[in-house]
Amino acid sequence: MPRCAKMGHRVFQAIAMPKLEILVRTPARPRPDSPRLLLVHGICVGAWVWEEHFMPYLADAGFEVHALSLRGHGGSEGRERLNDWRLADYTEDLRQTAAGLADRPLVVIGHSLGGAVLQDWIRTGGNRGGNRGGNSGGQLAGAALLASVPPWGLAYSAWRMLLSAPDLFQQLLRLDGKSAAGLDPAIMRRNLFSDDLPDATYARFMARVHGESRHVGVELQGWRPFAPAPWQAPPMFVLGGGSDRFIGADAVRGTAAYYGVLPTLVPRLAHALMLEPRWEDAAQPLCDWLLRLGERRG
């Protein structure tokens, strides 16, 4: 197991290079025999996106919650090499982090890019249980995809975006590993958030976003397979926002159909759902699924 050094509520996990930032929230009243939760963020951000709402909400429900910053993101090392990283590197970050939590069943929750990383990890052996049957300690008890890159990649979504939100499409083409300085704040706000997002929330968000690996952006189009076969997957939960201009409702429905589950579509919820004014409309059905998952396991 990798060595960990605690620094307040942050844990820096030593897995050679780079070191990964992991935020941890422990419940005041732990739910007996509950799985640990591991949250994986989307492009250009870090584990901090979960810290304000989702982590305390899930901890209050009795779950031990961990949030990973992929290499080059958040407080993890590797920002200077961001354009060098591939999807396989991010998947290795998830693999190493999950290995450090292997003494208990684990549920991984991926948003956007994090959903692609999660699917790639399952495809390459992350689901040690191998099927949807019983899970014992150390196995992947479930996986949740929130506004996730669909199993076939983003090529169709990108084409749809070019027609319906060409300004957002042009902004994303400018992304690279150097910085996010070229992004237009007004365009990003209009396309990633709901209209009633508080100005202060958006200002804090834009102050912390950064660039993203161009290699990963190409891989996410789907030219490089990353999704597991449906029968490889653990119990799955698929949720998206009804107002998401990046991952549309059709992609959410298609992802759910691929994994053989019903989708959860939240009205008036945009892509950056964990920071939205109605973030709880996404957190509540996720939490309900986690509780049902625990009942089935019990």
C-alpha atoms as a PDB file:
ATOM      1  CA  MET A   1       0.000   0.000   0.000  1.00  0.00           C
ATOM      2  CA  PRO A   2       1.381   3.455  -0.829  1.00  0.00           C
ATOM      3  CA  ARG A   3       2.575   5.523   2.118  1.00  0.00           C
ATOM      4  CA  CYS A   4       0.410   8.488   3.055  1.00  0.00           C
ATOM      5  CA  ALA A   5       1.256  11.574   5.084  1.00  0.00           C
ATOM      6  CA  LYS A   6      -1.677  13.465   6.613  1.00  0.00           C
ATOM      7  CA  MET A   7      -1.712  17.265   6.432  1.00  0.00           C
ATOM      8  CA  GLY A   8      -4.937  18.447   8.054  1.00  0.00           C
ATOM      9  CA  HIS A   9      -7.755  17.012   5.980  1.00  0.00           C
ATOM     10  CA  ARG A  10      -5.476  16.597   2.959  1.00  0.00           C
ATOM     11  CA  VAL A  11      -3.448  13.496   2.245  1.00  0.00           C
ATOM     12  CA  PHE A  12      -0.518  13.480  -0.156  1.00  0.00           C
ATOM     13  CA  GLN A  13      -0.048   9.948  -1.429  1.00  0.00           C
ATOM     14  CA  ALA A  14       3.521   8.983  -2.293  1.00  0.00           C
ATOM     15  CA  ILE A  15       3.420   6.872  -5.462  1.00  0.00           C
ATOM     16  CA  ALA A  16       6.861   7.762  -6.805  1.00  0.00           C
ATOM     17  CA  MET A  17       6.230  10.716  -9.141  1.00  0.00           C
ATOM     18  CA  PRO A  18       4.029  12.658  -9.190  1.00  0.00           C
ATOM     19  CA  LYS A  19       2.472  12.998  -5.746  1.00  0.00           C
ATOM     20  CA  LEU A  20      -1.309  13.127  -5.788  1.00  0.00           C
ATOM     21  CA  GLU A  21      -3.554  15.335  -3.708  1.00  0.00           C
ATOM     22  CA  ILE A  22      -6.432  13.545  -1.992  1.00  0.00           C
ATOM     23  CA  LEU A  23      -9.032  15.401   0.043  1.00  0.00           C
ATOM     24  CA  VAL A  24     -10.680  13.391   2.815  1.00  0.00           C
ATOM     25  CA  ARG A  25     -13.935  13.930   4.677  1.00  0.00           C
ATOM     26  CA  THR A  26     -14.817  11.471   7.452  1.00  0.00           C
ATOM     27  CA  PRO A  27     -18.387  11.128   8.775  1.00  0.00           C
ATOM     28  CA  ALA A  28     -19.302  12.095  12.327  1.00  0.00           C
ATOM     29  CA  ARG A  29     -21.641   9.090  12.402  1.00  0.00           C
ATOM     30  CA  PRO A  30     -20.252   6.402  10.068  1.00  0.00           C
ATOM     31  CA  ARG A  31     -22.754   4.149   8.361  1.00  0.00           C
ATOM     32  CA  PRO A  32     -21.981   0.533   9.353  1.00  0.00           C
ATOM     33  CA  ASP A  33     -20.321  -1.520   6.615  1.00  0.00           C
ATOM     34  CA  SER A  34     -20.628   1.310   4.090  1.00  0.00           C
ATOM     35  CA  PRO A  35     -18.200   1.492   1.151  1.00  0.00           C
ATOM     36  CA  ARG A  36     -15.694   4.274   0.856  1.00  0.00           C
ATOM     37  CA  LEU A  37     -16.407   6.862  -1.816  1.00  0.00           C
ATOM     38  CA  LEU A  38     -13.773   8.183  -4.226  1.00  0.00           C
ATOM     39  CA  LEU A  39     -14.623  11.258  -6.317  1.00  0.00           C
ATOM     40  CA  VAL A  40     -12.817  12.014  -9.602  1.00  0.00           C
ATOM     41  CA  HIS A  41     -13.120  15.498 -11.149  1.00  0.00           C
ATOM     42  CA  GLY A  42     -13.450  16.725 -14.732  1.00  0.00           C
ATOM     43  CA  ILE A  43     -11.219  18.785 -17.038  1.00  0.00           C
ATOM     44  CA  CYS A  44      -9.255  21.852 -15.926  1.00  0.00           C
ATOM     45  CA  VAL A  45     -10.117  21.567 -12.228  1.00  0.00           C
ATOM     46  CA  GLY A  46      -9.149  19.453  -9.210  1.00  0.00           C
ATOM     47  CA  ALA A  47     -10.567  17.722  -6.168  1.00  0.00           C
ATOM     48  CA  TRP A  48     -11.540  21.140  -4.801  1.00  0.00           C
ATOM     49  CA  VAL A  49     -14.728  21.184  -6.894  1.00  0.00           C
ATOM     50  CA  TRP A  50     -16.231  18.556  -4.564  1.00  0.00           C
ATOM     51  CA  GLU A  51     -15.135  20.196  -1.333  1.00  0.00           C
ATOM     52  CA  GLU A  52     -17.871  22.783  -0.778  1.00  0.00           C
ATOM     53  CA  HIS A  53     -21.018  20.707  -1.295  1.00  0.00           C
ATOM     54  CA  PHE A  54     -20.696  17.048  -2.284  1.00  0.00           C
ATOM     55  CA  MET A  55     -18.061  15.945   0.232  1.00  0.00           C
ATOM     56  CA  PRO A  56     -19.825  17.269   3.356  1.00  0.00           C
ATOM     57  CA  TYR A  57     -23.217  16.135   2.044  1.00  0.00           C
ATOM     58  CA  LEU A  58     -22.070  12.548   1.508  1.00  0.00           C
ATOM     59  CA  ALA A  59     -20.129  12.514   4.779  1.00  0.00           C
ATOM     60  CA  ASP A  60     -23.259  13.673   6.610  1.00  0.00           C
ATOM     61  CA  ALA A  61     -25.002  10.637   5.098  1.00  0.00           C
ATOM     62  CA  GLY A  62     -22.449   8.407   6.837  1.00  0.00           C
ATOM     63  CA  PHE A  63     -19.882   7.807   4.088  1.00  0.00           C
ATOM     64  CA  GLU A  64     -16.120   8.251   4.234  1.00  0.00           C
ATOM     65  CA  VAL A  65     -15.387  10.456   1.229  1.00  0.00           C
ATOM     66  CA  HIS A  66     -12.125  10.841  -0.695  1.00  0.00           C
ATOM     67  CA  ALA A  67     -11.571  13.174  -3.664  1.00  0.00           C
ATOM     68  CA  LEU A  68      -8.594  12.729  -5.995  1.00  0.00           C
ATOM     69  CA  SER A  69      -6.780  15.429  -7.954  1.00  0.00           C
ATOM     70  CA  LEU A  70      -5.381  13.778 -11.076  1.00  0.00           C
ATOM     71  CA  ARG A  71      -1.751  14.516 -11.917  1.00  0.00           C
ATOM     72  CA  GLY A  72      -1.302  18.084 -13.098  1.00  0.00           C
ATOM     73  CA  HIS A  73      -4.591  19.128 -11.491  1.00  0.00           C
ATOM     74  CA  GLY A  74      -5.496  20.794  -8.205  1.00  0.00           C
ATOM     75  CA  GLY A  75      -2.726  20.312  -5.658  1.00  0.00           C
ATOM     76  CA  SER A  76      -1.185  17.270  -7.355  1.00  0.00           C
ATOM     77  CA  GLU A  77       2.251  17.383  -8.926  1.00  0.00           C
ATOM     78  CA  GLY A  78       2.798  17.358 -12.675  1.00  0.00           C
ATOM     79  CA  ARG A  79       1.264  20.657 -13.799  1.00  0.00           C
ATOM     80  CA  GLU A  80       4.420  21.571 -15.719  1.00  0.00           C
ATOM     81  CA  ARG A  81       4.055  18.381 -17.786  1.00  0.00           C
ATOM     82  CA  LEU A  82       0.305  18.553 -18.281  1.00  0.00           C
ATOM     83  CA  ASN A  83       0.520  18.362 -22.074  1.00  0.00           C
ATOM     84  CA  ASP A  84       2.538  15.142 -21.762  1.00  0.00           C
ATOM     85  CA  TRP A  85      -0.113  13.196 -19.871  1.00  0.00           C
ATOM     86  CA  ARG A  86      -2.378  10.649 -21.545  1.00  0.00           C
ATOM     87  CA  LEU A  87      -5.644   9.126 -20.395  1.00  0.00           C
ATOM     88  CA  ALA A  88      -3.666   6.060 -19.309  1.00  0.00           C
ATOM     89  CA  ASP A  89      -1.705   8.270 -16.890  1.00  0.00           C
ATOM     90  CA  TYR A  90      -4.899   9.538 -15.283  1.00  0.00           C
ATOM     91  CA  THR A  91      -6.186   5.975 -15.124  1.00  0.00           C
ATOM     92  CA  GLU A  92      -3.005   4.960 -13.327  1.00  0.00           C
ATOM     93  CA  ASP A  93      -3.630   7.737 -10.792  1.00  0.00           C
ATOM     94  CA  LEU A  94      -7.047   6.248 -10.068  1.00  0.00           C
ATOM     95  CA  ARG A  95      -5.604   2.734  -9.935  1.00  0.00           C
ATOM     96  CA  GLN A  96      -2.938   3.708  -7.417  1.00  0.00           C
ATOM     97  CA  THR A  97      -5.355   5.697  -5.278  1.00  0.00           C
ATOM     98  CA  ALA A  98      -7.912   2.891  -5.214  1.00  0.00           C
ATOM     99  CA  ALA A  99      -5.168   0.440  -4.234  1.00  0.00           C
ATOM    100  CA  GLY A 100      -4.531   2.555  -1.144  1.00  0.00           C
ATOM    101  CA  LEU A 101      -8.201   2.182  -0.185  1.00  0.00           C
ATOM    102  CA  ALA A 102      -8.441  -1.538  -0.875  1.00  0.00           C
ATOM    103  CA  ASP A 103      -9.173  -2.704   2.665  1.00  0.00           C
ATOM    104  CA  ARG A 104     -12.872  -1.855   2.177  1.00  0.00           C
ATOM    105  CA  PRO A 105     -15.340  -1.949  -0.720  1.00  0.00           C
ATOM    106  CA  LEU A 106     -15.139   1.173  -2.856  1.00  0.00           C
ATOM    107  CA  VAL A 107     -17.564   3.199  -4.963  1.00  0.00           C
ATOM    108  CA  VAL A 108     -15.945   5.527  -7.503  1.00  0.00           C
ATOM    109  CA  ILE A 109     -17.835   8.598  -8.729  1.00  0.00           C
ATOM    110  CA  GLY A 110     -16.558  10.310 -11.878  1.00  0.00           C
ATOM    111  CA  HIS A 111     -17.649  13.635 -13.373  1.00  0.00           C
ATOM    112  CA  SER A 112     -17.083  14.453 -17.057  1.00  0.00           C
ATOM    113  CA  LEU A 113     -13.408  13.562 -17.749  1.00  0.00           C
ATOM    114  CA  GLY A 114     -13.422  11.699 -14.429  1.00  0.00           C
ATOM    115  CA  GLY A 115     -16.140   9.456 -15.837  1.00  0.00           C
ATOM    116  CA  ALA A 116     -13.898   8.513 -18.765  1.00  0.00           C
ATOM    117  CA  VAL A 117     -11.036   7.777 -16.363  1.00  0.00           C
ATOM    118  CA  LEU A 118     -13.374   5.617 -14.283  1.00  0.00           C
ATOM    119  CA  GLN A 119     -14.600   3.674 -17.321  1.00  0.00           C
ATOM    120  CA  ASP A 120     -11.032   3.125 -18.517  1.00  0.00           C
ATOM    121  CA  TRP A 121     -10.042   1.851 -15.086  1.00  0.00           C
ATOM    122  CA  ILE A 122     -12.928  -0.637 -15.077  1.00  0.00           C
ATOM    123  CA  ARG A 123     -11.978  -1.740 -18.605  1.00  0.00           C
ATOM    124  CA  THR A 124      -8.394  -2.408 -17.530  1.00  0.00           C
ATOM    125  CA  GLY A 125      -9.275  -4.413 -14.434  1.00  0.00           C
ATOM    126  CA  GLY A 126     -10.496  -1.926 -11.848  1.00  0.00           C
ATOM    127  CA  ASN A 127     -13.580  -4.017 -11.163  1.00  0.00           C
ATOM    128  CA  ARG A 128     -11.826  -6.804  -9.313  1.00  0.00           C
ATOM    129  CA  GLY A 129     -15.182  -8.457  -8.651  1.00  0.00           C
ATOM    130  CA  GLY A 130     -15.490  -8.948 -12.418  1.00  0.00           C
ATOM    131  CA  ASN A 131     -19.306  -8.794 -12.491  1.00  0.00           C
ATOM    132  CA  ARG A 132     -22.370  -7.399 -10.799  1.00  0.00           C
ATOM    133  CA  GLY A 133     -22.450 -10.049  -8.132  1.00  0.00           C
ATOM    134  CA  GLY A 134     -21.421  -9.842  -4.494  1.00  0.00           C
ATOM    135  CA  ASN A 135     -18.450  -7.716  -3.542  1.00  0.00           C
ATOM    136  CA  SER A 136     -16.119  -8.367  -0.666  1.00  0.00           C
ATOM    137  CA  GLY A 137     -13.486  -6.135   0.903  1.00  0.00           C
ATOM    138  CA  GLY A 138     -11.294  -4.319  -1.571  1.00  0.00           C
ATOM    139  CA  GLN A 139     -13.613  -4.721  -4.545  1.00  0.00           C
ATOM    140  CA  LEU A 140     -15.362  -2.100  -6.620  1.00  0.00           C
ATOM    141  CA  ALA A 141     -18.860  -2.085  -5.167  1.00  0.00           C
ATOM    142  CA  GLY A 142     -20.250   0.380  -7.688  1.00  0.00           C
ATOM    143  CA  ALA A 143     -19.520   3.219 -10.100  1.00  0.00           C
ATOM    144  CA  ALA A 144     -21.371   6.484 -10.714  1.00  0.00           C
ATOM    145  CA  LEU A 145     -21.057   8.559 -13.887  1.00  0.00           C
ATOM    146  CA  LEU A 146     -22.099  12.209 -13.478  1.00  0.00           C
ATOM    147  CA  ALA A 147     -22.360  14.265 -16.688  1.00  0.00           C
ATOM    148  CA  SER A 148     -19.749  11.830 -17.941  1.00  0.00           C
ATOM    149  CA  VAL A 149     -17.965  11.407 -21.221  1.00  0.00           C
ATOM    150  CA  PRO A 150     -20.085   8.650 -22.834  1.00  0.00           C
ATOM    151  CA  PRO A 151     -18.643   5.191 -23.579  1.00  0.00           C
ATOM    152  CA  TRP A 152     -18.173   5.989 -27.277  1.00  0.00           C
ATOM    153  CA  GLY A 153     -16.358   9.255 -26.625  1.00  0.00           C
ATOM    154  CA  LEU A 154     -17.074  12.911 -27.332  1.00  0.00           C
ATOM    155  CA  ALA A 155     -16.987  12.990 -31.141  1.00  0.00           C
ATOM    156  CA  TYR A 156     -20.783  13.092 -31.477  1.00  0.00           C
ATOM    157  CA  SER A 157     -21.147  15.531 -28.572  1.00  0.00           C
ATOM    158  CA  ALA A 158     -18.485  17.758 -30.151  1.00  0.00           C
ATOM    159  CA  TRP A 159     -20.361  17.800 -33.460  1.00  0.00           C
ATOM    160  CA  ARG A 160     -23.592  18.581 -31.617  1.00  0.00           C
ATOM    161  CA  MET A 161     -21.819  21.351 -29.699  1.00  0.00           C
ATOM    162  CA  LEU A 162     -20.441  22.834 -32.917  1.00  0.00           C
ATOM    163  CA  LEU A 163     -24.015  23.257 -34.152  1.00  0.00           C
ATOM    164  CA  SER A 164     -25.750  24.287 -30.920  1.00  0.00           C
ATOM    165  CA  ALA A 165     -22.998  26.091 -28.970  1.00  0.00           C
ATOM    166  CA  PRO A 166     -20.228  27.057 -31.425  1.00  0.00           C
ATOM    167  CA  ASP A 167     -18.795  29.594 -28.993  1.00  0.00           C
ATOM    168  CA  LEU A 168     -18.175  26.844 -26.409  1.00  0.00           C
ATOM    169  CA  PHE A 169     -16.698  24.589 -29.100  1.00  0.00           C
ATOM    170  CA  GLN A 170     -14.189  27.288 -30.061  1.00  0.00           C
ATOM    171  CA  GLN A 171     -13.264  27.849 -26.425  1.00  0.00           C
ATOM    172  CA  LEU A 172     -12.499  24.175 -25.859  1.00  0.00           C
ATOM    173  CA  LEU A 173     -10.291  24.097 -28.946  1.00  0.00           C
ATOM    174  CA  ARG A 174      -8.056  26.649 -27.225  1.00  0.00           C
ATOM    175  CA  LEU A 175      -7.379  24.445 -24.230  1.00  0.00           C
ATOM    176  CA  ASP A 176      -3.890  23.084 -23.712  1.00  0.00           C
ATOM    177  CA  GLY A 177      -1.677  22.228 -20.783  1.00  0.00           C
ATOM    178  CA  LYS A 178      -0.190  25.699 -20.409  1.00  0.00           C
ATOM    179  CA  SER A 179      -3.077  27.707 -18.973  1.00  0.00           C
ATOM    180  CA  ALA A 180      -6.743  28.595 -19.248  1.00  0.00           C
ATOM    181  CA  ALA A 181      -5.966  32.293 -19.729  1.00  0.00           C
ATOM    182  CA  GLY A 182      -7.383  32.318 -23.258  1.00  0.00           C
ATOM    183  CA  LEU A 183     -10.855  31.250 -22.168  1.00  0.00           C
ATOM    184  CA  ASP A 184     -13.633  33.824 -22.360  1.00  0.00           C
ATOM    185  CA  PRO A 185     -15.237  33.988 -18.882  1.00  0.00           C
ATOM    186  CA  ALA A 186     -18.645  35.031 -20.224  1.00  0.00           C
ATOM    187  CA  ILE A 187     -18.809  32.168 -22.726  1.00  0.00           C
ATOM    188  CA  MET A 188     -17.678  29.597 -20.167  1.00  0.00           C
ATOM    189  CA  ARG A 189     -20.202  30.817 -17.623  1.00  0.00           C
ATOM    190  CA  ARG A 190     -23.080  30.757 -20.099  1.00  0.00           C
ATOM    191  CA  ASN A 191     -22.312  27.209 -21.216  1.00  0.00           C
ATOM    192  CA  LEU A 192     -21.111  25.455 -18.057  1.00  0.00           C
ATOM    193  CA  PHE A 193     -23.421  26.946 -15.431  1.00  0.00           C
ATOM    194  CA  SER A 194     -27.038  27.925 -14.898  1.00  0.00           C
ATOM    195  CA  ASP A 195     -28.060  31.551 -15.284  1.00  0.00           C
ATOM    196  CA  ASP A 196     -28.660  32.011 -11.552  1.00  0.00           C
ATOM    197  CA  LEU A 197     -25.156  31.026 -10.448  1.00  0.00           C
ATOM    198  CA  PRO A 198     -23.896  33.642  -7.940  1.00  0.00           C
ATOM    199  CA  ASP A 199     -21.167  35.915  -9.282  1.00  0.00           C
ATOM    200  CA  ALA A 200     -18.901  35.113  -6.321  1.00  0.00           C
ATOM    201  CA  THR A 201     -19.133  31.367  -6.997  1.00  0.00           C
ATOM    202  CA  TYR A 202     -18.144  31.847 -10.619  1.00  0.00           C
ATOM    203  CA  ALA A 203     -15.275  34.174  -9.721  1.00  0.00           C
ATOM    204  CA  ARG A 204     -13.868  31.560  -7.328  1.00  0.00           C
ATOM    205  CA  PHE A 205     -14.224  28.894 -10.005  1.00  0.00           C
ATOM    206  CA  MET A 206     -12.429  30.868 -12.718  1.00  0.00           C
ATOM    207  CA  ALA A 207      -9.614  31.776 -10.329  1.00  0.00           C
ATOM    208  CA  ARG A 208      -8.750  28.087  -9.972  1.00  0.00           C
ATOM    209  CA  VAL A 209      -9.270  26.566 -13.423  1.00  0.00           C
ATOM    210  CA  HIS A 210      -6.217  25.734 -15.521  1.00  0.00           C
ATOM    211  CA  GLY A 211      -5.323  24.108 -18.816  1.00  0.00           C
ATOM    212  CA  GLU A 212      -5.809  20.504 -19.869  1.00  0.00           C
ATOM    213  CA  SER A 213      -3.738  17.934 -21.742  1.00  0.00           C
ATOM    214  CA  ARG A 214      -4.237  18.142 -25.503  1.00  0.00           C
ATOM    215  CA  HIS A 215      -3.467  14.425 -25.778  1.00  0.00           C
ATOM    216  CA  VAL A 216      -6.300  13.573 -23.420  1.00  0.00           C
ATOM    217  CA  GLY A 217      -8.646  15.890 -25.309  1.00  0.00           C
ATOM    218  CA  VAL A 218      -7.989  13.907 -28.492  1.00  0.00           C
ATOM    219  CA  GLU A 219      -8.325  10.537 -26.739  1.00  0.00           C
ATOM    220  CA  LEU A 220     -11.683  11.531 -25.278  1.00  0.00           C
ATOM    221  CA  GLN A 221     -13.133  11.837 -28.779  1.00  0.00           C
ATOM    222  CA  GLY A 222     -13.335   8.045 -28.732  1.00  0.00           C
ATOM    223  CA  TRP A 223     -10.601   7.116 -31.222  1.00  0.00           C
ATOM    224  CA  ARG A 224      -8.881   5.239 -28.391  1.00  0.00           C
ATOM    225  CA  PRO A 225     -11.362   2.803 -26.748  1.00  0.00           C
ATOM    226  CA  PHE A 226     -11.763   3.415 -23.020  1.00  0.00           C
ATOM    227  CA  ALA A 227     -15.136   1.969 -22.022  1.00  0.00           C
ATOM    228  CA  PRO A 228     -15.494  -1.543 -20.610  1.00  0.00           C
ATOM    229  CA  ALA A 229     -17.888  -4.079 -22.055  1.00  0.00           C
ATOM    230  CA  PRO A 230     -21.195  -3.679 -20.201  1.00  0.00           C
ATOM    231  CA  TRP A 231     -20.793  -7.066 -18.529  1.00  0.00           C
ATOM    232  CA  GLN A 232     -17.465  -5.957 -17.058  1.00  0.00           C
ATOM    233  CA  ALA A 233     -19.108  -3.150 -15.136  1.00  0.00           C
ATOM    234  CA  PRO A 234     -20.117  -3.158 -11.468  1.00  0.00           C
ATOM    235  CA  PRO A 235     -23.519  -1.751 -10.433  1.00  0.00           C
ATOM    236  CA  MET A 236     -23.775   1.585 -12.243  1.00  0.00           C
ATOM    237  CA  PHE A 237     -25.481   4.936 -11.677  1.00  0.00           C
ATOM    238  CA  VAL A 238     -25.774   7.461 -14.522  1.00  0.00           C
ATOM    239  CA  LEU A 239     -26.866  11.086 -13.978  1.00  0.00           C
ATOM    240  CA  GLY A 240     -26.845  14.213 -16.094  1.00  0.00           C
ATOM    241  CA  GLY A 241     -28.222  17.725 -16.182  1.00  0.00           C
ATOM    242  CA  GLY A 242     -31.204  18.733 -18.268  1.00  0.00           C
ATOM    243  CA  SER A 243     -29.502  22.054 -19.089  1.00  0.00           C
ATOM    244  CA  ASP A 244     -26.036  20.639 -19.806  1.00  0.00           C
ATOM    245  CA  ARG A 245     -24.694  22.051 -23.084  1.00  0.00           C
ATOM    246  CA  PHE A 246     -21.568  19.913 -22.962  1.00  0.00           C
ATOM    247  CA  ILE A 247     -22.905  16.417 -22.201  1.00  0.00           C
ATOM    248  CA  GLY A 248     -26.463  16.512 -23.519  1.00  0.00           C
ATOM    249  CA  ALA A 249     -29.435  14.476 -22.357  1.00  0.00           C
ATOM    250  CA  ASP A 250     -29.092  12.153 -25.360  1.00  0.00           C
ATOM    251  CA  ALA A 251     -25.541  11.248 -24.284  1.00  0.00           C
ATOM    252  CA  VAL A 252     -26.729  10.606 -20.717  1.00  0.00           C
ATOM    253  CA  ARG A 253     -29.541   8.351 -21.938  1.00  0.00           C
ATOM    254  CA  GLY A 254     -27.156   6.529 -24.263  1.00  0.00           C
ATOM    255  CA  THR A 255     -24.627   5.965 -21.475  1.00  0.00           C
ATOM    256  CA  ALA A 256     -27.337   4.563 -19.213  1.00  0.00           C
ATOM    257  CA  ALA A 257     -28.616   2.288 -21.994  1.00  0.00           C
ATOM    258  CA  TYR A 258     -25.082   1.042 -22.656  1.00  0.00           C
ATOM    259  CA  TYR A 259     -24.732  -0.058 -19.035  1.00  0.00           C
ATOM    260  CA  GLY A 260     -28.285  -1.363 -18.769  1.00  0.00           C
ATOM    261  CA  VAL A 261     -29.586   1.117 -16.191  1.00  0.00           C
ATOM    262  CA  LEU A 262     -32.135   3.923 -16.134  1.00  0.00           C
ATOM    263  CA  PRO A 263     -30.733   7.461 -16.426  1.00  0.00           C
ATOM    264  CA  THR A 264     -31.338  10.206 -13.888  1.00  0.00           C
ATOM    265  CA  LEU A 265     -31.817  13.563 -15.624  1.00  0.00           C
ATOM    266  CA  VAL A 266     -32.040  16.588 -13.343  1.00  0.00           C
ATOM    267  CA  PRO A 267     -33.983  19.562 -14.764  1.00  0.00           C
ATOM    268  CA  ARG A 268     -32.309  22.990 -14.814  1.00  0.00           C
ATOM    269  CA  LEU A 269     -28.911  21.519 -13.942  1.00  0.00           C
ATOM    270  CA  ALA A 270     -25.875  22.486 -16.030  1.00  0.00           C
ATOM    271  CA  HIS A 271     -22.553  20.710 -16.555  1.00  0.00           C
ATOM    272  CA  ALA A 272     -20.613  21.865 -13.480  1.00  0.00           C
ATOM    273  CA  LEU A 273     -23.286  20.247 -11.355  1.00  0.00           C
ATOM    274  CA  MET A 274     -21.386  20.064  -8.058  1.00  0.00           C
ATOM    275  CA  LEU A 275     -21.119  23.871  -7.961  1.00  0.00           C
ATOM    276  CA  GLU A 276     -24.590  24.676  -9.269  1.00  0.00           C
ATOM    277  CA  PRO A 277     -27.210  26.449  -7.122  1.00  0.00           C
ATOM    278  CA  ARG A 278     -29.251  23.218  -7.380  1.00  0.00           C
ATOM    279  CA  TRP A 279     -26.306  20.919  -6.653  1.00  0.00           C
ATOM    280  CA  GLU A 280     -28.391  19.042  -4.085  1.00  0.00           C
ATOM    281  CA  ASP A 281     -30.773  17.931  -6.844  1.00  0.00           C
ATOM    282  CA  ALA A 282     -27.856  15.841  -8.131  1.00  0.00           C
ATOM    283  CA  ALA A 283     -26.384  14.842  -4.769  1.00  0.00           C
ATOM    284  CA  GLN A 284     -29.677  13.518  -3.399  1.00  0.00           C
ATOM    285  CA  PRO A 285     -30.373  10.858  -6.091  1.00  0.00           C
ATOM    286  CA  LEU A 286     -26.707   9.846  -5.965  1.00  0.00           C
ATOM    287  CA  CYS A 287     -26.947   9.406  -2.205  1.00  0.00           C
ATOM    288  CA  ASP A 288     -30.221   7.482  -2.553  1.00  0.00           C
ATOM    289  CA  TRP A 289     -28.527   5.092  -4.997  1.00  0.00           C
ATOM    290  CA  LEU A 290     -25.584   4.636  -2.633  1.00  0.00           C
ATOM    291  CA  LEU A 291     -27.963   3.758   0.192  1.00  0.00           C
ATOM    292  CA  ARG A 292     -29.847   1.260  -1.982  1.00  0.00           C
ATOM    293  CA  LEU A 293     -26.524  -0.194  -3.081  1.00  0.00           C
ATOM    294  CA  GLY A 294     -25.578  -0.698   0.566  1.00  0.00           C
ATOM    295  CA  GLU A 295     -28.893  -2.406   1.269  1.00  0.00           C
ATOM    296  CA  ARG A 296     -28.358  -4.829  -1.625  1.00  0.00           C
ATOM    297  CA  ARG A 297     -24.848  -5.595  -0.438  1.00  0.00           C
ATOM    298  CA  GLY A 298     -26.112  -6.168   3.105  1.00  0.00           C
END
